[in-house]
Amino acid sequence: MTPEDIRDLFLSGQPDQALDALDDLLAADEANIEALRLKGNLLESVALERAELTAGSLLRQKGMWEARRCYERILELDPDNTVALVDLGDHFSNLDAYQKAESLYRQAIDLLQRGVFRLSREHEINEVFDSMFQLYTETGRDNLAELARSEQASMLAEPES
């Protein structure tokens, strides 16, 4: 089963089957970064859905810890993985650990500025800055949110190195 098939399983309302299929995929290749990312995303989605949407209740969700471990494992395998840095930043943002999230987003931005990306430079720039914008907006730092949008536009206007 491919990661796309597994994503479709999840989206069709079968999260347990999707997670079982991911476990099978990772049993065959524990360094499968795409499967690790998908597992982290699915675990976090399930935990967010089941929790009362407070940081305290999220911390009690086993899936949140497992999701974090997936993102951390990707970074062990590929320390410059900008996508995993953003995912881990989003994870911490969901837990109201905004400083940690911002630090991870900044790491991803630094890598992107140096031409390091995994999927698509434009997609990853948009993803990290959307996350930064949301973090700044949620924490009442609208001036920084606007600066982030300007920085995003500037990076997107630069030619790919």
C-alpha atoms as a PDB file:
ATOM      1  CA  MET A   1       0.000   0.000   0.000  1.00  0.00           C
ATOM      2  CA  THR A   2       1.379   3.413  -0.932  1.00  0.00           C
ATOM      3  CA  PRO A   3       1.348   6.510   1.289  1.00  0.00           C
ATOM      4  CA  GLU A   4      -1.274   7.986  -1.058  1.00  0.00           C
ATOM      5  CA  ASP A   5      -3.500   4.923  -0.530  1.00  0.00           C
ATOM      6  CA  ILE A   6      -3.026   5.270   3.210  1.00  0.00           C
ATOM      7  CA  ARG A   7      -3.885   8.978   3.104  1.00  0.00           C
ATOM      8  CA  ASP A   8      -7.057   8.083   1.191  1.00  0.00           C
ATOM      9  CA  LEU A   9      -7.945   5.518   3.866  1.00  0.00           C
ATOM     10  CA  PHE A  10      -7.614   8.167   6.529  1.00  0.00           C
ATOM     11  CA  LEU A  11      -9.617  10.723   4.568  1.00  0.00           C
ATOM     12  CA  SER A  12     -12.372   8.168   4.035  1.00  0.00           C
ATOM     13  CA  GLY A  13     -12.823   7.919   7.800  1.00  0.00           C
ATOM     14  CA  GLN A  14     -10.666   4.885   8.521  1.00  0.00           C
ATOM     15  CA  PRO A  15      -7.892   6.269  10.742  1.00  0.00           C
ATOM     16  CA  ASP A  16      -7.158   2.991  12.533  1.00  0.00           C
ATOM     17  CA  GLN A  17      -6.718   1.106   9.264  1.00  0.00           C
ATOM     18  CA  ALA A  18      -4.540   3.921   7.915  1.00  0.00           C
ATOM     19  CA  LEU A  19      -2.322   3.839  10.993  1.00  0.00           C
ATOM     20  CA  ASP A  20      -2.067   0.032  10.816  1.00  0.00           C
ATOM     21  CA  ALA A  21      -1.013   0.284   7.174  1.00  0.00           C
ATOM     22  CA  LEU A  22       1.593   2.900   8.097  1.00  0.00           C
ATOM     23  CA  ASP A  23       2.933   0.636  10.822  1.00  0.00           C
ATOM     24  CA  ASP A  24       3.306  -2.126   8.218  1.00  0.00           C
ATOM     25  CA  LEU A  25       5.074   0.257   5.857  1.00  0.00           C
ATOM     26  CA  LEU A  26       7.429   1.406   8.606  1.00  0.00           C
ATOM     27  CA  ALA A  27       8.084  -2.168   9.728  1.00  0.00           C
ATOM     28  CA  ALA A  28       9.449  -2.800   6.241  1.00  0.00           C
ATOM     29  CA  ASP A  29      11.457   0.456   6.194  1.00  0.00           C
ATOM     30  CA  GLU A  30      11.744   2.319   9.482  1.00  0.00           C
ATOM     31  CA  ALA A  31      13.578   5.170   7.737  1.00  0.00           C
ATOM     32  CA  ASN A  32      10.729   5.893   5.296  1.00  0.00           C
ATOM     33  CA  ILE A  33      10.500   9.646   5.779  1.00  0.00           C
ATOM     34  CA  GLU A  34       7.262  10.026   3.829  1.00  0.00           C
ATOM     35  CA  ALA A  35       5.586   7.341   5.949  1.00  0.00           C
ATOM     36  CA  LEU A  36       6.945   8.867   9.171  1.00  0.00           C
ATOM     37  CA  ARG A  37       5.599  12.287   8.218  1.00  0.00           C
ATOM     38  CA  LEU A  38       2.221  10.875   7.249  1.00  0.00           C
ATOM     39  CA  LYS A  39       2.031   8.896  10.484  1.00  0.00           C
ATOM     40  CA  GLY A  40       2.882  11.984  12.519  1.00  0.00           C
ATOM     41  CA  ASN A  41       0.278  14.037  10.670  1.00  0.00           C
ATOM     42  CA  LEU A  42      -2.407  11.368  11.078  1.00  0.00           C
ATOM     43  CA  LEU A  43      -1.666  10.787  14.761  1.00  0.00           C
ATOM     44  CA  GLU A  44      -1.788  14.492  15.448  1.00  0.00           C
ATOM     45  CA  SER A  45      -5.028  14.898  13.490  1.00  0.00           C
ATOM     46  CA  VAL A  46      -6.671  12.103  15.465  1.00  0.00           C
ATOM     47  CA  ALA A  47      -5.415  13.535  18.761  1.00  0.00           C
ATOM     48  CA  LEU A  48      -6.668  17.015  17.868  1.00  0.00           C
ATOM     49  CA  GLU A  49     -10.035  15.592  16.916  1.00  0.00           C
ATOM     50  CA  ARG A  50     -10.371  13.633  20.160  1.00  0.00           C
ATOM     51  CA  ALA A  51      -9.070  16.292  22.526  1.00  0.00           C
ATOM     52  CA  GLU A  52     -10.955  19.187  23.987  1.00  0.00           C
ATOM     53  CA  LEU A  53      -8.567  21.415  22.043  1.00  0.00           C
ATOM     54  CA  THR A  54      -6.620  22.671  25.005  1.00  0.00           C
ATOM     55  CA  ALA A  55      -2.903  22.219  25.387  1.00  0.00           C
ATOM     56  CA  GLY A  56      -3.409  20.226  28.588  1.00  0.00           C
ATOM     57  CA  SER A  57      -5.848  17.811  27.013  1.00  0.00           C
ATOM     58  CA  LEU A  58      -3.622  17.419  23.965  1.00  0.00           C
ATOM     59  CA  LEU A  59      -0.681  16.474  26.160  1.00  0.00           C
ATOM     60  CA  ARG A  60      -2.740  13.596  27.504  1.00  0.00           C
ATOM     61  CA  GLN A  61      -3.370  12.259  24.010  1.00  0.00           C
ATOM     62  CA  LYS A  62      -0.975   9.401  23.284  1.00  0.00           C
ATOM     63  CA  GLY A  63      -1.098  10.255  19.589  1.00  0.00           C
ATOM     64  CA  MET A  64       0.471  13.650  20.229  1.00  0.00           C
ATOM     65  CA  TRP A  65       3.547  12.030  21.767  1.00  0.00           C
ATOM     66  CA  GLU A  66       3.751   9.495  18.959  1.00  0.00           C
ATOM     67  CA  ALA A  67       3.358  12.252  16.363  1.00  0.00           C
ATOM     68  CA  ARG A  68       6.215  14.214  17.915  1.00  0.00           C
ATOM     69  CA  ARG A  69       8.371  11.107  17.851  1.00  0.00           C
ATOM     70  CA  CYS A  70       7.686  10.685  14.114  1.00  0.00           C
ATOM     71  CA  TYR A  71       8.789  14.251  13.358  1.00  0.00           C
ATOM     72  CA  GLU A  72      11.847  13.905  15.596  1.00  0.00           C
ATOM     73  CA  ARG A  73      12.766  10.632  13.886  1.00  0.00           C
ATOM     74  CA  ILE A  74      12.636  12.334  10.493  1.00  0.00           C
ATOM     75  CA  LEU A  75      15.001  15.003  11.805  1.00  0.00           C
ATOM     76  CA  GLU A  76      17.348  12.314  13.136  1.00  0.00           C
ATOM     77  CA  LEU A  77      17.436  10.788   9.654  1.00  0.00           C
ATOM     78  CA  ASP A  78      17.486  14.111   7.804  1.00  0.00           C
ATOM     79  CA  PRO A  79      18.379  17.086  10.059  1.00  0.00           C
ATOM     80  CA  ASP A  80      17.787  19.603   7.263  1.00  0.00           C
ATOM     81  CA  ASN A  81      14.274  18.394   6.470  1.00  0.00           C
ATOM     82  CA  THR A  82      12.374  21.671   6.296  1.00  0.00           C
ATOM     83  CA  VAL A  83       9.006  19.927   6.055  1.00  0.00           C
ATOM     84  CA  ALA A  84       9.612  18.042   9.309  1.00  0.00           C
ATOM     85  CA  LEU A  85      10.760  21.248  11.007  1.00  0.00           C
ATOM     86  CA  VAL A  86       7.474  22.908  10.046  1.00  0.00           C
ATOM     87  CA  ASP A  87       5.455  19.856  11.125  1.00  0.00           C
ATOM     88  CA  LEU A  88       7.235  19.795  14.479  1.00  0.00           C
ATOM     89  CA  GLY A  89       6.726  23.548  14.792  1.00  0.00           C
ATOM     90  CA  ASP A  90       3.013  23.097  14.122  1.00  0.00           C
ATOM     91  CA  HIS A  91       2.989  20.333  16.719  1.00  0.00           C
ATOM     92  CA  PHE A  92       4.435  22.648  19.365  1.00  0.00           C
ATOM     93  CA  SER A  93       2.131  25.464  18.291  1.00  0.00           C
ATOM     94  CA  ASN A  94      -0.848  23.140  18.839  1.00  0.00           C
ATOM     95  CA  LEU A  95       0.474  22.621  22.366  1.00  0.00           C
ATOM     96  CA  ASP A  96       0.789  26.392  22.915  1.00  0.00           C
ATOM     97  CA  ALA A  97       4.594  26.081  23.027  1.00  0.00           C
ATOM     98  CA  TYR A  98       4.905  29.109  20.789  1.00  0.00           C
ATOM     99  CA  GLN A  99       8.575  29.929  21.387  1.00  0.00           C
ATOM    100  CA  LYS A 100       9.620  26.404  20.471  1.00  0.00           C
ATOM    101  CA  ALA A 101       7.371  26.502  17.407  1.00  0.00           C
ATOM    102  CA  GLU A 102       8.780  29.839  16.292  1.00  0.00           C
ATOM    103  CA  SER A 103      12.331  28.555  16.713  1.00  0.00           C
ATOM    104  CA  LEU A 104      11.584  25.543  14.510  1.00  0.00           C
ATOM    105  CA  TYR A 105       9.933  27.729  11.870  1.00  0.00           C
ATOM    106  CA  ARG A 106      12.996  30.004  11.883  1.00  0.00           C
ATOM    107  CA  GLN A 107      15.257  26.982  11.381  1.00  0.00           C
ATOM    108  CA  ALA A 108      13.180  25.985   8.358  1.00  0.00           C
ATOM    109  CA  ILE A 109      13.300  29.534   6.979  1.00  0.00           C
ATOM    110  CA  ASP A 110      17.079  29.655   7.400  1.00  0.00           C
ATOM    111  CA  LEU A 111      17.419  26.416   5.444  1.00  0.00           C
ATOM    112  CA  LEU A 112      15.055  27.623   2.732  1.00  0.00           C
ATOM    113  CA  GLN A 113      17.049  30.845   2.410  1.00  0.00           C
ATOM    114  CA  ARG A 114      20.104  28.676   1.765  1.00  0.00           C
ATOM    115  CA  GLY A 115      18.262  26.759  -0.953  1.00  0.00           C
ATOM    116  CA  VAL A 116      17.560  23.646   1.126  1.00  0.00           C
ATOM    117  CA  PHE A 117      14.120  22.143   0.606  1.00  0.00           C
ATOM    118  CA  ARG A 118      12.600  18.691   0.240  1.00  0.00           C
ATOM    119  CA  LEU A 119       9.428  18.856  -1.837  1.00  0.00           C
ATOM    120  CA  SER A 120       8.988  22.232  -3.466  1.00  0.00           C
ATOM    121  CA  ARG A 121      10.691  25.486  -2.530  1.00  0.00           C
ATOM    122  CA  GLU A 122       7.553  27.550  -3.143  1.00  0.00           C
ATOM    123  CA  HIS A 123       5.296  25.132  -1.264  1.00  0.00           C
ATOM    124  CA  GLU A 124       7.633  24.964   1.712  1.00  0.00           C
ATOM    125  CA  ILE A 125       8.067  28.741   1.860  1.00  0.00           C
ATOM    126  CA  ASN A 126       4.297  29.165   1.835  1.00  0.00           C
ATOM    127  CA  GLU A 127       3.811  26.437   4.436  1.00  0.00           C
ATOM    128  CA  VAL A 128       6.315  27.809   6.931  1.00  0.00           C
ATOM    129  CA  PHE A 129       5.152  31.393   6.578  1.00  0.00           C
ATOM    130  CA  ASP A 130       1.490  30.412   6.830  1.00  0.00           C
ATOM    131  CA  SER A 131       2.376  28.694  10.099  1.00  0.00           C
ATOM    132  CA  MET A 132       4.361  31.721  11.303  1.00  0.00           C
ATOM    133  CA  PHE A 133       1.525  34.061  10.350  1.00  0.00           C
ATOM    134  CA  GLN A 134      -0.972  31.932  12.255  1.00  0.00           C
ATOM    135  CA  LEU A 135       1.296  31.739  15.305  1.00  0.00           C
ATOM    136  CA  TYR A 136       1.827  35.496  15.368  1.00  0.00           C
ATOM    137  CA  THR A 137      -1.863  36.194  14.852  1.00  0.00           C
ATOM    138  CA  GLU A 138      -2.921  33.758  17.590  1.00  0.00           C
ATOM    139  CA  THR A 139      -0.470  35.322  20.019  1.00  0.00           C
ATOM    140  CA  GLY A 140      -1.537  38.887  19.261  1.00  0.00           C
ATOM    141  CA  ARG A 141       1.653  39.856  17.461  1.00  0.00           C
ATOM    142  CA  ASP A 142       0.028  41.278  14.364  1.00  0.00           C
ATOM    143  CA  ASN A 143       3.032  43.459  13.558  1.00  0.00           C
ATOM    144  CA  LEU A 144       5.218  40.344  13.329  1.00  0.00           C
ATOM    145  CA  ALA A 145       2.547  38.613  11.261  1.00  0.00           C
ATOM    146  CA  GLU A 146       2.753  41.405   8.703  1.00  0.00           C
ATOM    147  CA  LEU A 147       6.552  41.270   8.726  1.00  0.00           C
ATOM    148  CA  ALA A 148       6.358  37.523   8.119  1.00  0.00           C
ATOM    149  CA  ARG A 149       4.110  38.101   5.095  1.00  0.00           C
ATOM    150  CA  SER A 150       6.631  40.621   3.735  1.00  0.00           C
ATOM    151  CA  GLU A 151       9.497  38.201   4.294  1.00  0.00           C
ATOM    152  CA  GLN A 152       7.481  35.481   2.559  1.00  0.00           C
ATOM    153  CA  ALA A 153       6.848  37.686  -0.480  1.00  0.00           C
ATOM    154  CA  SER A 154      10.513  38.611  -0.616  1.00  0.00           C
ATOM    155  CA  MET A 155      11.644  34.982  -0.511  1.00  0.00           C
ATOM    156  CA  LEU A 156       9.139  33.957  -3.167  1.00  0.00           C
ATOM    157  CA  ALA A 157      10.351  36.770  -5.428  1.00  0.00           C
ATOM    158  CA  GLU A 158      13.960  35.581  -5.197  1.00  0.00           C
ATOM    159  CA  PRO A 159      15.105  33.203  -7.909  1.00  0.00           C
ATOM    160  CA  GLU A 160      15.694  29.638  -6.808  1.00  0.00           C
ATOM    161  CA  SER A 161      19.359  29.051  -6.016  1.00  0.00           C
END
